[in-house]
């Protein structure tokens, strides 16, 4: 029985100096600001299917390898295209956010 000799593997690990507390705060504050700006651009739409229907939708999304949100939005977009509806609309034209 022939055995290979053990090989020793050495790793060079470079650990950068820890950032200063102020650096961490600045990054966190900037991230919070950019996250809020992004969230402000998004609409929140809540749907409430019956549990058995919700389970079926989740299963279909998982089977397709899509997120639940992606799966639902794709279905909505497909229906909108089928009906000839625009995929985007100016909020002022829709009567939202101060429009008529």
N, C-alpha and C. Protein backbone atom coordinates (compact mmCIF):
# COMPACT_ATOMS: atom_id res chain seq x y z
N UNK A 1 0.84 -1.17 0.00
CA UNK A 1 0.00 0.00 0.00
C UNK A 1 0.89 1.24 0.00
N UNK A 2 0.76 2.03 -1.05
CA UNK A 2 1.59 3.22 -1.19
C UNK A 2 0.81 4.44 -0.71
N UNK A 3 1.39 5.21 0.18
CA UNK A 3 0.72 6.39 0.71
C UNK A 3 1.47 7.64 0.29
N UNK A 4 0.73 8.63 -0.10
CA UNK A 4 1.32 9.90 -0.47
C UNK A 4 1.82 10.60 0.79
N UNK A 5 2.95 11.27 0.71
CA UNK A 5 3.39 12.02 1.88
C UNK A 5 2.46 13.20 2.11
N UNK A 6 2.28 13.55 3.36
CA UNK A 6 1.43 14.70 3.68
C UNK A 6 2.06 15.97 3.17
N UNK A 7 1.23 16.81 2.63
CA UNK A 7 1.71 18.09 2.15
C UNK A 7 1.22 19.17 3.10
N UNK A 8 2.12 20.02 3.43
CA UNK A 8 1.74 21.12 4.32
C UNK A 8 1.42 22.33 3.45
N UNK A 9 0.25 22.87 3.64
CA UNK A 9 -0.18 24.03 2.87
C UNK A 9 -0.13 25.24 3.78
N UNK A 10 0.57 26.25 3.33
CA UNK A 10 0.67 27.47 4.10
C UNK A 10 -0.14 28.55 3.40
N UNK A 11 -0.83 29.34 4.17
CA UNK A 11 -1.62 30.43 3.62
C UNK A 11 -1.07 31.75 4.13
N UNK A 12 -0.96 32.70 3.25
CA UNK A 12 -0.63 34.05 3.66
C UNK A 12 -1.93 34.80 3.82
N UNK A 13 -2.23 35.16 5.02
CA UNK A 13 -3.45 35.89 5.30
C UNK A 13 -3.08 37.31 5.68
N UNK A 14 -3.59 38.25 4.91
CA UNK A 14 -3.32 39.65 5.20
C UNK A 14 -4.57 40.22 5.84
N UNK A 15 -4.40 40.68 7.06
CA UNK A 15 -5.52 41.26 7.77
C UNK A 15 -5.33 42.77 7.77
N UNK A 16 -6.21 43.49 7.07
CA UNK A 16 -6.05 44.94 7.03
C UNK A 16 -6.32 45.53 8.41
N UNK A 17 -5.78 46.69 8.64
CA UNK A 17 -6.03 47.34 9.92
C UNK A 17 -7.51 47.64 10.02
N UNK A 18 -8.01 47.57 11.21
CA UNK A 18 -9.43 47.81 11.43
C UNK A 18 -9.77 49.26 11.13
N UNK A 19 -10.88 49.52 10.46
CA UNK A 19 -11.26 50.91 10.18
C UNK A 19 -11.60 51.64 11.47
N UNK A 20 -11.48 52.91 11.44
CA UNK A 20 -11.83 53.73 12.60
C UNK A 20 -13.35 53.77 12.74
N UNK A 21 -13.80 54.01 13.93
CA UNK A 21 -15.24 54.04 14.19
C UNK A 21 -15.95 55.06 13.30
N UNK A 22 -15.35 56.22 13.11
CA UNK A 22 -15.96 57.25 12.27
C UNK A 22 -16.13 56.78 10.83
N UNK A 23 -15.17 55.98 10.34
CA UNK A 23 -15.28 55.46 8.98
C UNK A 23 -16.48 54.53 8.85
N UNK A 24 -16.70 53.73 9.87
CA UNK A 24 -17.83 52.80 9.83
C UNK A 24 -19.14 53.58 9.87
N UNK A 25 -19.22 54.58 10.71
CA UNK A 25 -20.44 55.37 10.80
C UNK A 25 -20.74 56.10 9.49
N UNK A 26 -19.69 56.65 8.88
CA UNK A 26 -19.91 57.38 7.64
C UNK A 26 -20.46 56.44 6.57
N UNK A 27 -19.90 55.25 6.48
CA UNK A 27 -20.36 54.29 5.49
C UNK A 27 -21.81 53.87 5.79
N UNK A 28 -22.11 53.61 7.04
CA UNK A 28 -23.46 53.19 7.41
C UNK A 28 -24.47 54.29 7.14
N UNK A 29 -24.10 55.53 7.46
CA UNK A 29 -25.02 56.63 7.22
C UNK A 29 -25.26 56.82 5.73
N UNK A 30 -24.20 56.72 4.93
CA UNK A 30 -24.34 56.88 3.48
C UNK A 30 -25.21 55.76 2.92
N UNK A 31 -24.99 54.53 3.40
CA UNK A 31 -25.78 53.40 2.93
C UNK A 31 -27.25 53.59 3.30
N UNK A 32 -27.50 54.08 4.50
CA UNK A 32 -28.88 54.32 4.93
C UNK A 32 -29.55 55.34 4.02
N UNK A 33 -28.81 56.38 3.65
CA UNK A 33 -29.36 57.42 2.78
C UNK A 33 -29.67 56.85 1.40
N UNK A 34 -28.71 56.11 0.84
CA UNK A 34 -28.94 55.56 -0.51
C UNK A 34 -30.04 54.49 -0.48
N UNK A 35 -30.10 53.69 0.58
CA UNK A 35 -31.16 52.70 0.70
C UNK A 35 -32.54 53.38 0.76
N UNK A 36 -32.62 54.48 1.54
CA UNK A 36 -33.89 55.20 1.64
C UNK A 36 -34.29 55.79 0.30
N UNK A 37 -33.33 56.37 -0.43
CA UNK A 37 -33.63 56.91 -1.76
C UNK A 37 -34.17 55.82 -2.68
N UNK A 38 -33.56 54.64 -2.61
CA UNK A 38 -34.02 53.52 -3.45
C UNK A 38 -35.43 53.10 -3.02
N UNK A 39 -35.66 52.94 -1.72
CA UNK A 39 -36.97 52.53 -1.24
C UNK A 39 -38.05 53.53 -1.60
N UNK A 40 -37.70 54.83 -1.62
CA UNK A 40 -38.67 55.87 -1.97
C UNK A 40 -39.12 55.76 -3.42
N UNK A 41 -38.31 55.12 -4.27
CA UNK A 41 -38.66 54.95 -5.69
C UNK A 41 -39.61 53.77 -5.91
N UNK A 42 -39.76 52.93 -4.90
CA UNK A 42 -40.54 51.71 -5.05
C UNK A 42 -41.97 51.89 -4.56
N UNK A 43 -42.89 51.24 -5.23
CA UNK A 43 -44.28 51.21 -4.81
C UNK A 43 -44.48 49.95 -3.97
N UNK A 44 -45.33 50.04 -2.99
CA UNK A 44 -45.64 48.87 -2.18
C UNK A 44 -47.05 48.43 -2.51
N UNK A 45 -47.19 47.19 -2.96
CA UNK A 45 -48.49 46.64 -3.31
C UNK A 45 -48.65 45.34 -2.52
N UNK A 46 -49.69 45.26 -1.73
CA UNK A 46 -49.90 44.08 -0.89
C UNK A 46 -51.00 43.21 -1.51
N UNK A 47 -50.71 41.92 -1.62
CA UNK A 47 -51.74 40.99 -2.08
C UNK A 47 -51.99 39.98 -0.96
N UNK A 48 -53.20 39.49 -0.86
CA UNK A 48 -53.54 38.55 0.19
C UNK A 48 -54.35 37.38 -0.37
N UNK A 49 -53.68 36.43 -0.99
CA UNK A 49 -54.42 35.26 -1.47
C UNK A 49 -54.76 34.34 -0.30
N UNK A 50 -55.72 33.47 -0.51
CA UNK A 50 -55.97 32.44 0.49
C UNK A 50 -54.72 31.59 0.63
N UNK A 51 -54.52 30.99 1.79
CA UNK A 51 -53.26 30.27 2.08
C UNK A 51 -52.96 29.18 1.06
N UNK A 52 -53.98 28.43 0.65
CA UNK A 52 -53.72 27.36 -0.31
C UNK A 52 -53.32 27.92 -1.68
N UNK A 53 -53.89 29.08 -2.04
CA UNK A 53 -53.51 29.73 -3.29
C UNK A 53 -52.09 30.31 -3.18
N UNK A 54 -51.79 30.92 -2.05
CA UNK A 54 -50.45 31.46 -1.82
C UNK A 54 -49.40 30.36 -1.89
N UNK A 55 -49.72 29.20 -1.31
CA UNK A 55 -48.79 28.07 -1.34
C UNK A 55 -48.55 27.61 -2.78
N UNK A 56 -49.61 27.60 -3.58
CA UNK A 56 -49.48 27.19 -4.99
C UNK A 56 -48.63 28.19 -5.77
N UNK A 57 -48.82 29.48 -5.50
CA UNK A 57 -48.03 30.51 -6.18
C UNK A 57 -46.56 30.38 -5.79
N UNK A 58 -46.29 30.21 -4.49
CA UNK A 58 -44.90 30.05 -4.01
C UNK A 58 -44.25 28.82 -4.64
N UNK A 59 -45.00 27.72 -4.72
CA UNK A 59 -44.46 26.49 -5.31
C UNK A 59 -44.14 26.68 -6.79
N UNK A 60 -45.01 27.37 -7.49
CA UNK A 60 -44.78 27.61 -8.92
C UNK A 60 -43.55 28.49 -9.13
N UNK A 61 -43.39 29.51 -8.29
CA UNK A 61 -42.22 30.39 -8.39
C UNK A 61 -40.94 29.60 -8.12
N UNK A 62 -40.98 28.77 -7.07
CA UNK A 62 -39.81 27.97 -6.72
C UNK A 62 -39.47 26.99 -7.84
N UNK A 63 -40.49 26.35 -8.40
CA UNK A 63 -40.28 25.39 -9.49
C UNK A 63 -39.65 26.07 -10.71
N UNK A 64 -40.00 27.34 -10.92
CA UNK A 64 -39.43 28.10 -12.04
C UNK A 64 -38.08 28.71 -11.71
N UNK A 65 -37.65 28.57 -10.46
CA UNK A 65 -36.37 29.15 -10.04
C UNK A 65 -36.42 30.67 -9.94
N UNK A 66 -37.58 31.20 -9.63
CA UNK A 66 -37.76 32.65 -9.52
C UNK A 66 -38.13 33.02 -8.10
N UNK A 67 -37.86 34.28 -7.76
CA UNK A 67 -38.34 34.78 -6.48
C UNK A 67 -39.86 34.93 -6.58
N UNK A 68 -40.51 34.97 -5.45
CA UNK A 68 -41.96 35.13 -5.45
C UNK A 68 -42.35 36.45 -6.11
N UNK A 69 -41.64 37.52 -5.76
CA UNK A 69 -41.93 38.82 -6.36
C UNK A 69 -41.70 38.80 -7.86
N UNK A 70 -40.59 38.22 -8.30
CA UNK A 70 -40.31 38.16 -9.73
C UNK A 70 -41.35 37.37 -10.49
N UNK A 71 -41.79 36.27 -9.90
CA UNK A 71 -42.80 35.42 -10.53
C UNK A 71 -44.13 36.17 -10.67
N UNK A 72 -44.55 36.82 -9.60
CA UNK A 72 -45.82 37.55 -9.63
C UNK A 72 -45.75 38.72 -10.61
N UNK A 73 -44.65 39.49 -10.57
CA UNK A 73 -44.52 40.62 -11.48
C UNK A 73 -44.49 40.18 -12.94
N UNK A 74 -43.83 39.07 -13.23
CA UNK A 74 -43.80 38.56 -14.61
C UNK A 74 -45.21 38.22 -15.07
N UNK A 75 -46.01 37.62 -14.19
CA UNK A 75 -47.38 37.28 -14.55
C UNK A 75 -48.22 38.54 -14.78
N UNK A 76 -48.02 39.53 -13.95
CA UNK A 76 -48.76 40.79 -14.10
C UNK A 76 -48.36 41.47 -15.40
N UNK A 77 -47.04 41.55 -15.66
CA UNK A 77 -46.57 42.19 -16.90
C UNK A 77 -47.10 41.46 -18.14
N UNK A 78 -47.13 40.13 -18.10
CA UNK A 78 -47.65 39.36 -19.24
C UNK A 78 -49.12 39.69 -19.48
N UNK A 79 -49.89 39.79 -18.40
CA UNK A 79 -51.31 40.12 -18.54
C UNK A 79 -51.49 41.54 -19.07
N UNK A 80 -50.67 42.46 -18.57
CA UNK A 80 -50.76 43.85 -19.03
C UNK A 80 -50.44 43.95 -20.52
N UNK A 81 -49.43 43.24 -20.95
CA UNK A 81 -49.07 43.24 -22.38
C UNK A 81 -50.19 42.65 -23.21
N UNK A 82 -50.78 41.56 -22.72
CA UNK A 82 -51.89 40.90 -23.43
C UNK A 82 -53.08 41.85 -23.58
N UNK A 83 -53.31 42.68 -22.57
CA UNK A 83 -54.43 43.61 -22.60
C UNK A 83 -54.08 44.94 -23.27
N UNK A 84 -52.81 45.08 -23.67
CA UNK A 84 -52.39 46.32 -24.32
C UNK A 84 -52.18 47.48 -23.36
N UNK A 85 -51.96 47.16 -22.09
CA UNK A 85 -51.73 48.18 -21.08
C UNK A 85 -50.25 48.59 -21.08
N UNK A 86 -49.95 49.86 -20.82
CA UNK A 86 -48.54 50.26 -20.72
C UNK A 86 -47.92 49.68 -19.46
N UNK A 87 -46.63 49.36 -19.54
CA UNK A 87 -45.95 48.80 -18.37
C UNK A 87 -45.50 49.87 -17.39
N UNK A 88 -45.47 51.11 -17.83
CA UNK A 88 -45.15 52.22 -16.94
C UNK A 88 -46.11 53.36 -17.24
N UNK A 89 -46.38 54.14 -16.21
CA UNK A 89 -47.27 55.28 -16.38
C UNK A 89 -46.77 56.40 -15.48
N UNK A 90 -46.93 57.63 -15.92
CA UNK A 90 -46.54 58.79 -15.13
C UNK A 90 -47.49 58.91 -13.96
N UNK A 91 -46.98 58.99 -12.71
CA UNK A 91 -47.89 59.10 -11.55
C UNK A 91 -48.85 60.28 -11.65
N UNK A 92 -48.44 61.37 -12.28
CA UNK A 92 -49.33 62.53 -12.43
C UNK A 92 -50.53 62.17 -13.30
N UNK A 93 -50.33 61.30 -14.28
CA UNK A 93 -51.43 60.90 -15.16
C UNK A 93 -52.36 59.90 -14.48
N UNK A 94 -51.84 59.15 -13.50
CA UNK A 94 -52.65 58.12 -12.87
C UNK A 94 -53.48 58.63 -11.71
N UNK A 95 -53.25 59.91 -11.33
CA UNK A 95 -54.01 60.46 -10.21
C UNK A 95 -53.32 60.25 -8.87
N UNK A 96 -52.11 59.72 -8.88
CA UNK A 96 -51.38 59.49 -7.64
C UNK A 96 -50.39 60.62 -7.42
N UNK A 97 -49.96 60.75 -6.17
CA UNK A 97 -48.93 61.71 -5.77
C UNK A 97 -49.26 63.13 -6.22
N UNK A 98 -50.45 63.57 -5.91
CA UNK A 98 -50.81 64.96 -6.18
C UNK A 98 -51.36 65.23 -7.56
N UNK A 99 -51.38 64.22 -8.43
CA UNK A 99 -51.95 64.42 -9.76
C UNK A 99 -53.46 64.38 -9.69
N UNK A 100 -54.10 64.60 -10.81
CA UNK A 100 -55.56 64.58 -10.84
C UNK A 100 -56.12 63.24 -11.16
